Amino acid sequence: MPVMLSEQYVILAETSEEMAKLYKSSEDQELMEFYYGYTDMGEGIRSLSELVKEQLLEYDWQILESFAVLVDAHTPGNGGGSLPPPPPPPPKLDIGCLLCEIAVGAGSIILCVFVLWWIPGAYDFCVYVLALFLQTGSTHIVCQILGYCE
């Protein structure tokens, strides 16, 4: 069912208020944080709906399709649930990619040395190209093209 953007925000505000009611009667302080969080969320979304309706009319268009997800992740003081959000996964170390980048970087330096051997005036150009290569992450891009990096 298509609705206007401001109406969609009203629906979301009402949903937040309904969720707040579920936790309002709880005696558990952690569950009461849900009540406070959903109450604040509902008030904020309702204010956003009024702002769109009154001052941002050019954005109050018909919404043909939308969805929303409520997640109760607890971080003390955020009005969430009982568990902290999971930590991000550690970065993956790819030895093949690392070795490729080292080889491409070293090869670039060696190539520059050979260029300087035959064209001594190319020092500034060589330093500029190596700095550009380093700043743009070109060693990684070359290794991606060669299939060693993701």
Protein backbone atom coordinates (compact mmCIF):
# COMPACT_ATOMS: atom_id res chain seq x y z
CA MET A 1 0.00 0.00 0.00
CA PRO A 2 1.69 3.23 -1.10
CA VAL A 3 1.93 6.05 1.47
CA MET A 4 3.53 9.46 1.56
CA LEU A 5 6.98 9.74 3.19
CA SER A 6 5.59 11.73 6.14
CA GLU A 7 2.92 9.04 6.65
CA GLN A 8 5.59 6.34 6.55
CA TYR A 9 7.40 8.11 9.38
CA VAL A 10 4.14 8.26 11.38
CA ILE A 11 3.76 4.49 10.92
CA LEU A 12 7.32 3.95 12.14
CA ALA A 13 6.71 6.26 15.12
CA GLU A 14 3.55 4.33 16.03
CA THR A 15 5.46 1.05 15.77
CA SER A 16 8.15 2.41 18.11
CA GLU A 17 5.48 3.54 20.56
CA GLU A 18 3.85 0.09 20.47
CA MET A 19 7.24 -1.51 21.18
CA ALA A 20 7.75 0.91 24.09
CA LYS A 21 4.43 -0.19 25.58
CA LEU A 22 5.67 -3.79 25.65
CA TYR A 23 8.54 -2.83 27.95
CA LYS A 24 6.88 -0.07 29.99
CA SER A 25 5.53 -2.32 32.73
CA SER A 26 8.76 -4.24 33.23
CA GLU A 27 10.49 -4.13 36.61
CA ASP A 28 13.80 -5.18 35.07
CA GLN A 29 15.90 -2.03 34.58
CA GLU A 30 17.56 -3.40 31.44
CA LEU A 31 14.16 -3.98 29.85
CA MET A 32 13.10 -0.50 30.92
CA GLU A 33 15.96 0.81 28.77
CA PHE A 34 14.04 -0.60 25.81
CA TYR A 35 11.04 1.47 26.88
CA TYR A 36 13.11 4.65 27.05
CA GLY A 37 14.86 3.89 23.77
CA TYR A 38 11.67 3.16 21.84
CA THR A 39 9.94 6.18 23.37
CA ASP A 40 12.80 8.45 22.26
CA MET A 41 12.83 6.81 18.84
CA GLY A 42 9.08 7.32 18.41
CA GLU A 43 9.29 10.98 19.38
CA GLY A 44 12.22 11.59 17.03
CA ILE A 45 10.55 9.87 14.10
CA ARG A 46 7.28 11.72 14.72
CA SER A 47 9.21 15.02 14.73
CA LEU A 48 10.84 14.01 11.45
CA SER A 49 7.40 13.30 9.97
CA GLU A 50 6.20 16.78 10.97
CA LEU A 51 9.36 18.36 9.56
CA VAL A 52 8.87 16.63 6.20
CA LYS A 53 5.18 17.51 6.12
CA GLU A 54 5.63 21.17 7.07
CA GLN A 55 9.05 22.27 5.81
CA LEU A 56 10.31 19.69 3.32
CA LEU A 57 7.31 19.26 1.07
CA GLU A 58 9.52 18.56 -1.94
CA TYR A 59 10.56 15.27 -0.24
CA ASP A 60 7.07 14.20 0.85
CA TRP A 61 6.54 11.84 -2.06
CA GLN A 62 4.69 8.60 -2.31
CA ILE A 63 6.63 5.57 -1.02
CA LEU A 64 5.79 2.52 -3.10
CA GLU A 65 7.89 -0.01 -1.21
CA SER A 66 9.69 0.09 2.12
CA PHE A 67 10.75 -2.04 5.07
CA ALA A 68 12.14 -1.48 8.55
CA VAL A 69 13.98 -3.68 11.03
CA LEU A 70 14.12 -3.19 14.80
CA VAL A 71 17.21 -4.62 16.49
CA ASP A 72 17.61 -4.68 20.25
CA ALA A 73 21.39 -4.55 20.70
CA HIS A 74 22.51 -3.32 24.09
CA THR A 75 25.32 -0.88 24.57
CA PRO A 76 25.06 0.66 28.03
CA GLY A 77 23.26 3.96 27.83
CA ASN A 78 21.82 3.52 24.33
CA GLY A 79 18.42 2.22 25.41
CA GLY A 80 19.04 -1.21 23.91
CA GLY A 81 18.74 -4.79 25.08
CA SER A 82 20.90 -7.09 27.14
CA LEU A 83 23.74 -8.13 24.85
CA PRO A 84 26.52 -6.01 23.36
CA PRO A 85 26.80 -5.99 19.58
CA PRO A 86 29.29 -8.54 18.26
CA PRO A 87 32.80 -7.28 17.49
CA PRO A 88 33.79 -6.89 13.85
CA PRO A 89 35.71 -9.82 12.38
CA PRO A 90 39.49 -9.49 12.41
CA PRO A 91 41.12 -8.48 9.14
CA LYS A 92 42.13 -11.44 7.01
CA LEU A 93 45.87 -11.74 6.33
CA ASP A 94 46.53 -13.03 2.83
CA ILE A 95 50.21 -13.95 2.57
CA GLY A 96 50.08 -14.40 -1.22
CA CYS A 97 48.65 -10.91 -1.65
CA LEU A 98 51.20 -9.40 0.74
CA LEU A 99 54.12 -11.09 -1.06
CA CYS A 100 52.78 -9.94 -4.43
CA GLU A 101 52.53 -6.32 -3.23
CA ILE A 102 56.10 -6.47 -1.87
CA ALA A 103 57.34 -7.94 -5.15
CA VAL A 104 55.51 -5.34 -7.28
CA GLY A 105 56.76 -2.49 -5.06
CA ALA A 106 60.35 -3.79 -5.12
CA GLY A 107 60.12 -4.35 -8.87
CA SER A 108 59.00 -0.76 -9.34
CA ILE A 109 61.96 0.52 -7.35
CA ILE A 110 64.39 -1.68 -9.30
CA LEU A 111 62.87 -0.50 -12.59
CA CYS A 112 63.32 3.09 -11.44
CA VAL A 113 66.98 2.44 -10.59
CA PHE A 114 67.58 1.03 -14.09
CA VAL A 115 65.84 4.04 -15.66
CA LEU A 116 68.09 6.36 -13.63
CA TRP A 117 71.14 4.35 -14.73
CA TRP A 118 70.45 5.14 -18.39
CA ILE A 119 68.69 8.51 -17.99
CA PRO A 120 70.23 10.35 -15.03
CA GLY A 121 67.91 13.36 -15.43
CA ALA A 122 64.82 11.20 -14.75
CA TYR A 123 65.26 11.32 -10.96
CA ASP A 124 62.35 13.73 -10.27
CA PHE A 125 60.08 11.82 -12.63
CA CYS A 126 60.98 8.48 -11.04
CA VAL A 127 60.40 9.75 -7.49
CA TYR A 128 57.07 11.27 -8.57
CA VAL A 129 55.91 8.01 -10.19
CA LEU A 130 56.93 5.91 -7.16
CA ALA A 131 55.16 8.31 -4.77
CA LEU A 132 52.05 8.23 -6.94
CA PHE A 133 52.22 4.44 -7.08
CA LEU A 134 52.40 4.28 -3.28
CA GLN A 135 49.65 6.87 -2.64
CA THR A 136 47.13 5.28 -5.00
CA GLY A 137 47.60 1.71 -3.75
CA SER A 138 48.62 0.67 -7.23
CA THR A 139 50.62 -2.31 -5.93
CA HIS A 140 47.36 -3.77 -4.61
CA ILE A 141 45.55 -3.03 -7.87
CA VAL A 142 48.29 -4.73 -9.90
CA CYS A 143 48.11 -7.78 -7.60
CA GLN A 144 44.32 -7.87 -7.99
CA ILE A 145 44.73 -7.91 -11.76
CA LEU A 146 47.32 -10.70 -11.43
CA GLY A 147 44.87 -12.65 -9.26
CA TYR A 148 46.85 -12.65 -6.00
CA CYS A 149 44.57 -10.27 -4.08
CA GLU A 150 40.81 -10.06 -3.66
